[in-house]
PDB file of N, CA and C in Angstrom:
ATOM      1  N   UNK A   1      -3.057 -46.638  58.128  1.00  0.00           N
ATOM      2  CA  UNK A   1      -3.861 -47.639  58.505  1.00  0.00           C
ATOM      3  C   UNK A   1      -4.891 -47.155  59.530  1.00  0.00           C
ATOM      4  N   UNK A   2      -4.312 -46.381  60.556  1.00  0.00           N
ATOM      5  CA  UNK A   2      -5.163 -45.685  61.574  1.00  0.00           C
ATOM      6  C   UNK A   2      -6.215 -44.788  61.075  1.00  0.00           C
ATOM      7  N   UNK A   3      -5.884 -44.088  60.093  1.00  0.00           N
ATOM      8  CA  UNK A   3      -6.921 -43.198  59.454  1.00  0.00           C
ATOM      9  C   UNK A   3      -8.059 -44.004  58.706  1.00  0.00           C
ATOM     10  N   UNK A   4      -7.877 -44.972  58.189  1.00  0.00           N
ATOM     11  CA  UNK A   4      -8.954 -45.898  57.575  1.00  0.00           C
ATOM     12  C   UNK A   4      -9.863 -46.415  58.674  1.00  0.00           C
ATOM     13  N   UNK A   5      -9.224 -47.003  59.683  1.00  0.00           N
ATOM     14  CA  UNK A   5     -10.061 -47.441  60.796  1.00  0.00           C
ATOM     15  C   UNK A   5     -10.991 -46.385  61.302  1.00  0.00           C
ATOM     16  N   UNK A   6     -10.411 -45.191  61.504  1.00  0.00           N
ATOM     17  CA  UNK A   6     -11.224 -44.022  61.975  1.00  0.00           C
ATOM     18  C   UNK A   6     -12.394 -43.740  61.059  1.00  0.00           C
ATOM     19  N   UNK A   7     -11.981 -43.661  59.815  1.00  0.00           N
ATOM     20  CA  UNK A   7     -13.081 -43.454  58.692  1.00  0.00           C
ATOM     21  C   UNK A   7     -14.225 -44.510  58.866  1.00  0.00           C
ATOM     22  N   UNK A   8     -13.792 -45.702  58.992  1.00  0.00           N
ATOM     23  CA  UNK A   8     -14.790 -46.817  59.177  1.00  0.00           C
ATOM     24  C   UNK A   8     -15.650 -46.605  60.382  1.00  0.00           C
ATOM     25  N   UNK A   9     -14.943 -46.299  61.486  1.00  0.00           N
ATOM     26  CA  UNK A   9     -15.804 -46.030  62.677  1.00  0.00           C
ATOM     27  C   UNK A   9     -16.823 -44.843  62.566  1.00  0.00           C
ATOM     28  N   UNK A  10     -16.384 -43.830  61.793  1.00  0.00           N
ATOM     29  CA  UNK A  10     -17.214 -42.682  61.699  1.00  0.00           C
ATOM     30  C   UNK A  10     -18.511 -43.203  60.717  1.00  0.00           C
ATOM     31  N   UNK A  11     -18.089 -43.874  59.627  1.00  0.00           N
ATOM     32  CA  UNK A  11     -19.231 -44.278  58.722  1.00  0.00           C
ATOM     33  C   UNK A  11     -20.133 -45.247  59.595  1.00  0.00           C
ATOM     34  N   UNK A  12     -19.684 -46.168  60.457  1.00  0.00           N
ATOM     35  CA  UNK A  12     -20.681 -47.028  61.165  1.00  0.00           C
ATOM     36  C   UNK A  12     -21.244 -46.193  62.229  1.00  0.00           C
ATOM     37  N   UNK A  13     -20.833 -45.154  62.658  1.00  0.00           N
ATOM     38  CA  UNK A  13     -21.502 -44.285  63.717  1.00  0.00           C
ATOM     39  C   UNK A  13     -22.698 -43.700  62.965  1.00  0.00           C
ATOM     40  N   UNK A  14     -22.309 -43.044  61.655  1.00  0.00           N
ATOM     41  CA  UNK A  14     -23.485 -42.443  60.950  1.00  0.00           C
ATOM     42  C   UNK A  14     -24.552 -43.241  60.620  1.00  0.00           C
ATOM     43  N   UNK A  15     -24.227 -44.589  60.041  1.00  0.00           N
ATOM     44  CA  UNK A  15     -25.239 -45.683  59.822  1.00  0.00           C
ATOM     45  C   UNK A  15     -25.969 -45.846  61.132  1.00  0.00           C
ATOM     46  N   UNK A  16     -25.325 -46.187  62.256  1.00  0.00           N
ATOM     47  CA  UNK A  16     -26.151 -46.545  63.469  1.00  0.00           C
ATOM     48  C   UNK A  16     -27.084 -45.279  63.762  1.00  0.00           C
ATOM     49  N   UNK A  17     -26.713 -44.114  63.724  1.00  0.00           N
ATOM     50  CA  UNK A  17     -27.421 -42.874  64.030  1.00  0.00           C
ATOM     51  C   UNK A  17     -28.655 -42.815  63.137  1.00  0.00           C
ATOM     52  N   UNK A  18     -28.391 -43.112  61.829  1.00  0.00           N
ATOM     53  CA  UNK A  18     -29.310 -43.068  60.769  1.00  0.00           C
ATOM     54  C   UNK A  18     -30.497 -44.131  61.084  1.00  0.00           C
ATOM     55  N   UNK A  19     -30.078 -45.410  61.542  1.00  0.00           N
ATOM     56  CA  UNK A  19     -31.023 -46.405  61.858  1.00  0.00           C
ATOM     57  C   UNK A  19     -31.752 -46.041  62.938  1.00  0.00           C
ATOM     58  N   UNK A  20     -31.111 -45.353  63.962  1.00  0.00           N
ATOM     59  CA  UNK A  20     -32.018 -44.973  65.211  1.00  0.00           C
ATOM     60  C   UNK A  20     -32.859 -43.847  64.838  1.00  0.00           C
ATOM     61  N   UNK A  21     -32.672 -43.034  63.882  1.00  0.00           N
ATOM     62  CA  UNK A  21     -33.551 -41.984  63.621  1.00  0.00           C
ATOM     63  C   UNK A  21     -34.749 -42.478  62.842  1.00  0.00           C
ATOM     64  N   UNK A  22     -34.650 -43.559  62.016  1.00  0.00           N
ATOM     65  CA  UNK A  22     -35.582 -44.199  61.292  1.00  0.00           C
ATOM     66  C   UNK A  22     -36.529 -44.828  62.271  1.00  0.00           C
ATOM     67  N   UNK A  23     -35.969 -45.637  63.302  1.00  0.00           N
ATOM     68  CA  UNK A  23     -36.692 -46.300  64.210  1.00  0.00           C
ATOM     69  C   UNK A  23     -37.605 -45.245  65.111  1.00  0.00           C
ATOM     70  N   UNK A  24     -37.014 -44.216  65.365  1.00  0.00           N
ATOM     71  CA  UNK A  24     -37.775 -43.098  66.164  1.00  0.00           C
ATOM     72  C   UNK A  24     -39.025 -42.581  65.285  1.00  0.00           C
ATOM     73  N   UNK A  25     -38.707 -42.362  64.078  1.00  0.00           N
ATOM     74  CA  UNK A  25     -39.656 -41.946  63.268  1.00  0.00           C
ATOM     75  C   UNK A  25     -40.838 -42.845  63.131  1.00  0.00           C
ATOM     76  N   UNK A  26     -40.574 -44.071  62.884  1.00  0.00           N
ATOM     77  CA  UNK A  26     -41.596 -45.115  62.756  1.00  0.00           C
ATOM     78  C   UNK A  26     -42.327 -45.299  64.212  1.00  0.00           C
ATOM     79  N   UNK A  27     -41.686 -45.144  65.319  1.00  0.00           N
ATOM     80  CA  UNK A  27     -42.411 -45.126  66.636  1.00  0.00           C
ATOM     81  C   UNK A  27     -43.254 -44.102  66.730  1.00  0.00           C
ATOM     82  N   UNK A  28     -42.814 -42.879  66.441  1.00  0.00           N
ATOM     83  CA  UNK A  28     -43.588 -41.662  66.649  1.00  0.00           C
ATOM     84  C   UNK A  28     -44.955 -41.599  65.646  1.00  0.00           C
ATOM     85  N   UNK A  29     -44.652 -42.111  64.476  1.00  0.00           N
ATOM     86  CA  UNK A  29     -45.790 -42.185  63.504  1.00  0.00           C
ATOM     87  C   UNK A  29     -46.788 -43.307  64.099  1.00  0.00           C
ATOM     88  N   UNK A  30     -46.259 -44.327  64.363  1.00  0.00           N
ATOM     89  CA  UNK A  30     -47.139 -45.502  64.922  1.00  0.00           C
ATOM     90  C   UNK A  30     -47.818 -45.038  66.111  1.00  0.00           C
ATOM     91  N   UNK A  31     -47.326 -44.404  66.923  1.00  0.00           N
ATOM     92  CA  UNK A  31     -48.180 -43.919  68.149  1.00  0.00           C
ATOM     93  C   UNK A  31     -49.193 -43.034  67.729  1.00  0.00           C
ATOM     94  N   UNK A  32     -48.781 -42.032  66.868  1.00  0.00           N
ATOM     95  CA  UNK A  32     -49.894 -41.023  66.341  1.00  0.00           C
ATOM     96  C   UNK A  32     -51.055 -41.833  65.812  1.00  0.00           C
ATOM     97  N   UNK A  33     -50.764 -42.809  64.973  1.00  0.00           N
ATOM     98  CA  UNK A  33     -51.884 -43.562  64.246  1.00  0.00           C
ATOM     99  C   UNK A  33     -52.562 -44.288  65.294  1.00  0.00           C
ATOM    100  N   UNK A  34     -52.047 -44.840  66.320  1.00  0.00           N
ATOM    101  CA  UNK A  34     -52.780 -45.732  67.227  1.00  0.00           C
ATOM    102  C   UNK A  34     -53.706 -44.629  68.096  1.00  0.00           C
ATOM    103  N   UNK A  35     -53.157 -43.464  68.411  1.00  0.00           N
ATOM    104  CA  UNK A  35     -53.941 -42.511  69.218  1.00  0.00           C
ATOM    105  C   UNK A  35     -55.073 -42.050  68.412  1.00  0.00           C
ATOM    106  N   UNK A  36     -55.121 -42.080  67.173  1.00  0.00           N
ATOM    107  CA  UNK A  36     -56.277 -41.761  66.367  1.00  0.00           C
ATOM    108  C   UNK A  36     -57.153 -42.800  66.023  1.00  0.00           C
ATOM    109  N   UNK A  37     -56.778 -44.083  66.386  1.00  0.00           N
ATOM    110  CA  UNK A  37     -57.565 -45.276  66.232  1.00  0.00           C
ATOM    111  C   UNK A  37     -57.356 -45.977  64.953  1.00  0.00           C
ATOM    112  N   UNK A  38     -56.160 -45.656  64.229  1.00  0.00           N
ATOM    113  CA  UNK A  38     -55.863 -46.348  63.065  1.00  0.00           C
ATOM    114  C   UNK A  38     -54.934 -47.536  63.172  1.00  0.00           C
ATOM    115  N   UNK A  39     -54.884 -48.406  62.207  1.00  0.00           N
ATOM    116  CA  UNK A  39     -54.164 -49.513  62.285  1.00  0.00           C
ATOM    117  C   UNK A  39     -52.594 -49.164  61.779  1.00  0.00           C
ATOM    118  N   UNK A  40     -51.539 -49.049  62.579  1.00  0.00           N
ATOM    119  CA  UNK A  40     -50.355 -48.556  62.123  1.00  0.00           C
ATOM    120  C   UNK A  40     -49.738 -49.379  60.957  1.00  0.00           C
ATOM    121  N   UNK A  41     -49.844 -50.689  60.987  1.00  0.00           N
ATOM    122  CA  UNK A  41     -49.306 -51.517  60.080  1.00  0.00           C
ATOM    123  C   UNK A  41     -49.834 -51.278  58.687  1.00  0.00           C
ATOM    124  N   UNK A  42     -51.301 -51.143  58.688  1.00  0.00           N
ATOM    125  CA  UNK A  42     -52.016 -50.978  57.450  1.00  0.00           C
ATOM    126  C   UNK A  42     -51.533 -49.643  56.814  1.00  0.00           C
ATOM    127  N   UNK A  43     -51.544 -48.593  57.704  1.00  0.00           N
ATOM    128  CA  UNK A  43     -51.203 -47.172  57.087  1.00  0.00           C
ATOM    129  C   UNK A  43     -49.895 -47.008  56.783  1.00  0.00           C
ATOM    130  N   UNK A  44     -48.760 -47.484  57.459  1.00  0.00           N
ATOM    131  CA  UNK A  44     -47.502 -47.235  57.158  1.00  0.00           C
ATOM    132  C   UNK A  44     -47.281 -48.214  55.814  1.00  0.00           C
ATOM    133  N   UNK A  45     -47.755 -49.340  55.791  1.00  0.00           N
ATOM    134  CA  UNK A  45     -47.562 -50.134  54.632  1.00  0.00           C
ATOM    135  C   UNK A  45     -48.201 -49.354  53.312  1.00  0.00           C
ATOM    136  N   UNK A  46     -49.432 -48.932  53.512  1.00  0.00           N
ATOM    137  CA  UNK A  46     -49.943 -48.198  52.380  1.00  0.00           C
ATOM    138  C   UNK A  46     -48.911 -46.944  51.950  1.00  0.00           C
ATOM    139  N   UNK A  47     -48.538 -46.243  52.872  1.00  0.00           N
ATOM    140  CA  UNK A  47     -47.703 -45.160  52.575  1.00  0.00           C
ATOM    141  C   UNK A  47     -46.382 -45.648  51.787  1.00  0.00           C
ATOM    142  N   UNK A  48     -45.747 -46.793  52.348  1.00  0.00           N
ATOM    143  CA  UNK A  48     -44.530 -47.328  51.790  1.00  0.00           C
ATOM    144  C   UNK A  48     -44.735 -47.766  50.431  1.00  0.00           C
ATOM    145  N   UNK A  49     -45.860 -48.423  50.175  1.00  0.00           N
ATOM    146  CA  UNK A  49     -46.005 -48.958  48.804  1.00  0.00           C
ATOM    147  C   UNK A  49     -46.503 -47.879  47.799  1.00  0.00           C
ATOM    148  N   UNK A  50     -47.384 -46.846  48.179  1.00  0.00           N
ATOM    149  CA  UNK A  50     -47.905 -45.886  47.330  1.00  0.00           C
ATOM    150  C   UNK A  50     -47.140 -44.484  47.284  1.00  0.00           C
ATOM    151  N   UNK A  51     -46.477 -44.228  48.351  1.00  0.00           N
ATOM    152  CA  UNK A  51     -45.873 -42.909  48.590  1.00  0.00           C
ATOM    153  C   UNK A  51     -46.824 -41.882  48.793  1.00  0.00           C
ATOM    154  N   UNK A  52     -48.062 -42.255  49.044  1.00  0.00           N
ATOM    155  CA  UNK A  52     -49.197 -41.333  49.203  1.00  0.00           C
ATOM    156  C   UNK A  52     -49.166 -40.880  50.748  1.00  0.00           C
ATOM    157  N   UNK A  53     -48.817 -39.654  51.045  1.00  0.00           N
ATOM    158  CA  UNK A  53     -48.701 -39.386  52.569  1.00  0.00           C
ATOM    159  C   UNK A  53     -50.240 -39.210  53.172  1.00  0.00           C
ATOM    160  N   UNK A  54     -51.150 -39.367  52.387  1.00  0.00           N
ATOM    161  CA  UNK A  54     -52.720 -39.302  52.953  1.00  0.00           C
ATOM    162  C   UNK A  54     -52.900 -40.560  53.898  1.00  0.00           C
ATOM    163  N   UNK A  55     -52.068 -41.683  53.675  1.00  0.00           N
ATOM    164  CA  UNK A  55     -52.126 -42.791  54.684  1.00  0.00           C
ATOM    165  C   UNK A  55     -51.625 -42.292  56.125  1.00  0.00           C
ATOM    166  N   UNK A  56     -51.048 -41.261  56.165  1.00  0.00           N
ATOM    167  CA  UNK A  56     -50.514 -40.908  57.476  1.00  0.00           C
ATOM    168  C   UNK A  56     -51.276 -39.673  58.132  1.00  0.00           C
ATOM    169  N   UNK A  57     -51.614 -39.834  59.345  1.00  0.00           N
ATOM    170  CA  UNK A  57     -52.439 -38.752  59.871  1.00  0.00           C
ATOM    171  C   UNK A  57     -51.539 -37.530  60.089  1.00  0.00           C
ATOM    172  N   UNK A  58     -52.216 -36.456  60.246  1.00  0.00           N
ATOM    173  CA  UNK A  58     -51.578 -35.113  60.629  1.00  0.00           C
ATOM    174  C   UNK A  58     -51.407 -35.053  62.153  1.00  0.00           C
ATOM    175  N   UNK A  59     -52.145 -35.966  62.783  1.00  0.00           N
ATOM    176  CA  UNK A  59     -52.023 -35.953  64.259  1.00  0.00           C
ATOM    177  C   UNK A  59     -50.548 -36.146  64.755  1.00  0.00           C
ATOM    178  N   UNK A  60     -50.206 -35.400  65.776  1.00  0.00           N
ATOM    179  CA  UNK A  60     -48.862 -35.155  66.385  1.00  0.00           C
ATOM    180  C   UNK A  60     -47.792 -35.016  65.251  1.00  0.00           C
ATOM    181  N   UNK A  61     -48.388 -34.278  64.228  1.00  0.00           N
ATOM    182  CA  UNK A  61     -47.338 -33.974  63.224  1.00  0.00           C
ATOM    183  C   UNK A  61     -46.725 -35.164  62.324  1.00  0.00           C
ATOM    184  N   UNK A  62     -47.410 -36.255  62.631  1.00  0.00           N
ATOM    185  CA  UNK A  62     -46.910 -37.518  61.959  1.00  0.00           C
ATOM    186  C   UNK A  62     -46.621 -37.525  60.407  1.00  0.00           C
ATOM    187  N   UNK A  63     -47.495 -36.826  59.750  1.00  0.00           N
ATOM    188  CA  UNK A  63     -47.237 -36.892  58.310  1.00  0.00           C
ATOM    189  C   UNK A  63     -45.942 -36.065  57.904  1.00  0.00           C
ATOM    190  N   UNK A  64     -45.641 -34.978  58.756  1.00  0.00           N
ATOM    191  CA  UNK A  64     -44.245 -34.306  58.289  1.00  0.00           C
ATOM    192  C   UNK A  64     -43.041 -35.255  58.938  1.00  0.00           C
ATOM    193  N   UNK A  65     -43.460 -35.876  60.148  1.00  0.00           N
ATOM    194  CA  UNK A  65     -42.308 -36.625  60.742  1.00  0.00           C
ATOM    195  C   UNK A  65     -41.782 -37.735  59.740  1.00  0.00           C
ATOM    196  N   UNK A  66     -42.815 -38.545  59.164  1.00  0.00           N
ATOM    197  CA  UNK A  66     -42.389 -39.576  58.357  1.00  0.00           C
ATOM    198  C   UNK A  66     -41.681 -39.097  57.068  1.00  0.00           C
ATOM    199  N   UNK A  67     -41.814 -37.926  56.650  1.00  0.00           N
ATOM    200  CA  UNK A  67     -41.118 -37.374  55.466  1.00  0.00           C
ATOM    201  C   UNK A  67     -39.718 -36.987  55.852  1.00  0.00           C
ATOM    202  N   UNK A  68     -39.263 -37.177  57.070  1.00  0.00           N
ATOM    203  CA  UNK A  68     -38.050 -36.762  57.433  1.00  0.00           C
ATOM    204  C   UNK A  68     -37.060 -37.913  56.880  1.00  0.00           C
ATOM    205  N   UNK A  69     -37.491 -39.071  56.714  1.00  0.00           N
ATOM    206  CA  UNK A  69     -36.575 -40.176  56.023  1.00  0.00           C
ATOM    207  C   UNK A  69     -37.287 -40.603  54.831  1.00  0.00           C
ATOM    208  N   UNK A  70     -36.499 -41.207  53.968  1.00  0.00           N
ATOM    209  CA  UNK A  70     -36.778 -41.669  52.730  1.00  0.00           C
ATOM    210  C   UNK A  70     -37.625 -43.077  52.928  1.00  0.00           C
ATOM    211  N   UNK A  71     -38.546 -43.416  51.968  1.00  0.00           N
ATOM    212  CA  UNK A  71     -39.294 -44.644  52.182  1.00  0.00           C
ATOM    213  C   UNK A  71     -38.429 -45.813  51.927  1.00  0.00           C
ATOM    214  N   UNK A  72     -37.349 -45.876  51.160  1.00  0.00           N
ATOM    215  CA  UNK A  72     -36.415 -46.839  51.041  1.00  0.00           C
ATOM    216  C   UNK A  72     -35.540 -47.142  52.323  1.00  0.00           C
ATOM    217  N   UNK A  73     -35.365 -46.065  53.084  1.00  0.00           N
ATOM    218  CA  UNK A  73     -34.547 -46.241  54.346  1.00  0.00           C
ATOM    219  C   UNK A  73     -35.546 -46.827  55.403  1.00  0.00           C
ATOM    220  N   UNK A  74     -36.844 -46.669  55.210  1.00  0.00           N
ATOM    221  CA  UNK A  74     -37.706 -47.218  56.306  1.00  0.00           C
ATOM    222  C   UNK A  74     -37.847 -48.762  55.859  1.00  0.00           C
ATOM    223  N   UNK A  75     -37.930 -48.948  54.526  1.00  0.00           N
ATOM    224  CA  UNK A  75     -38.052 -50.253  54.207  1.00  0.00           C
ATOM    225  C   UNK A  75     -36.763 -51.132  54.625  1.00  0.00           C
ATOM    226  N   UNK A  76     -35.602 -50.574  54.355  1.00  0.00           N
ATOM    227  CA  UNK A  76     -34.276 -51.282  54.797  1.00  0.00           C
ATOM    228  C   UNK A  76     -34.086 -51.450  55.997  1.00  0.00           C
ATOM    229  N   UNK A  77     -34.690 -50.552  57.079  1.00  0.00           N
ATOM    230  CA  UNK A  77     -34.622 -50.720  58.449  1.00  0.00           C
ATOM    231  C   UNK A  77     -35.613 -51.794  58.856  1.00  0.00           C
ATOM    232  N   UNK A  78     -36.893 -51.804  58.155  1.00  0.00           N
ATOM    233  CA  UNK A  78     -37.738 -52.895  58.749  1.00  0.00           C
ATOM    234  C   UNK A  78     -37.246 -54.227  58.243  1.00  0.00           C
ATOM    235  N   UNK A  79     -36.547 -54.359  57.207  1.00  0.00           N
ATOM    236  CA  UNK A  79     -36.038 -55.691  56.762  1.00  0.00           C
ATOM    237  C   UNK A  79     -34.800 -56.065  57.607  1.00  0.00           C
ATOM    238  N   UNK A  80     -34.004 -55.154  57.816  1.00  0.00           N
ATOM    239  CA  UNK A  80     -32.851 -55.386  58.735  1.00  0.00           C
ATOM    240  C   UNK A  80     -33.375 -55.809  60.166  1.00  0.00           C
ATOM    241  N   UNK A  81     -34.235 -55.125  60.579  1.00  0.00           N
ATOM    242  CA  UNK A  81     -34.671 -55.525  61.942  1.00  0.00           C
ATOM    243  C   UNK A  81     -35.425 -56.889  62.060  1.00  0.00           C
ATOM    244  N   UNK A  82     -36.253 -57.201  60.965  1.00  0.00           N
ATOM    245  CA  UNK A  82     -36.674 -58.577  60.836  1.00  0.00           C
ATOM    246  C   UNK A  82     -35.552 -59.600  60.821  1.00  0.00           C
ATOM    247  N   UNK A  83     -34.761 -59.481  59.898  1.00  0.00           N
ATOM    248  CA  UNK A  83     -33.524 -60.418  59.812  1.00  0.00           C
ATOM    249  C   UNK A  83     -32.741 -60.614  61.010  1.00  0.00           C
ATOM    250  N   UNK A  84     -32.593 -59.502  61.705  1.00  0.00           N
ATOM    251  CA  UNK A  84     -31.704 -59.442  62.921  1.00  0.00           C
ATOM    252  C   UNK A  84     -32.430 -60.374  63.923  1.00  0.00           C
ATOM    253  N   UNK A  85     -33.816 -60.191  64.046  1.00  0.00           N
ATOM    254  CA  UNK A  85     -34.414 -61.118  65.120  1.00  0.00           C
ATOM    255  C   UNK A  85     -34.586 -62.622  64.775  1.00  0.00           C
ATOM    256  N   UNK A  86     -34.264 -63.068  63.424  1.00  0.00           N
ATOM    257  CA  UNK A  86     -34.481 -64.470  63.113  1.00  0.00           C
ATOM    258  C   UNK A  86     -33.327 -65.177  63.607  1.00  0.00           C
TER     259      UNK A  86
END
């Protein structure tokens, strides 16, 4: 029984770490887009819907940073965050 609880904790820690990574990626990309004068909501949405990295600026390496996570992970985090705040 103790091993199963340890495994559950490890899985929860991995999920928490991954969610944090997605949040950090979104923040870095958003900051880079703002610095260039772009609307982060519009550009990140365009990227998520189309998969076209051209929506994301090269400034501050944002285009490479956003590719560190899968688009579905970003969507999942955005939805989770929205639902948690309601």
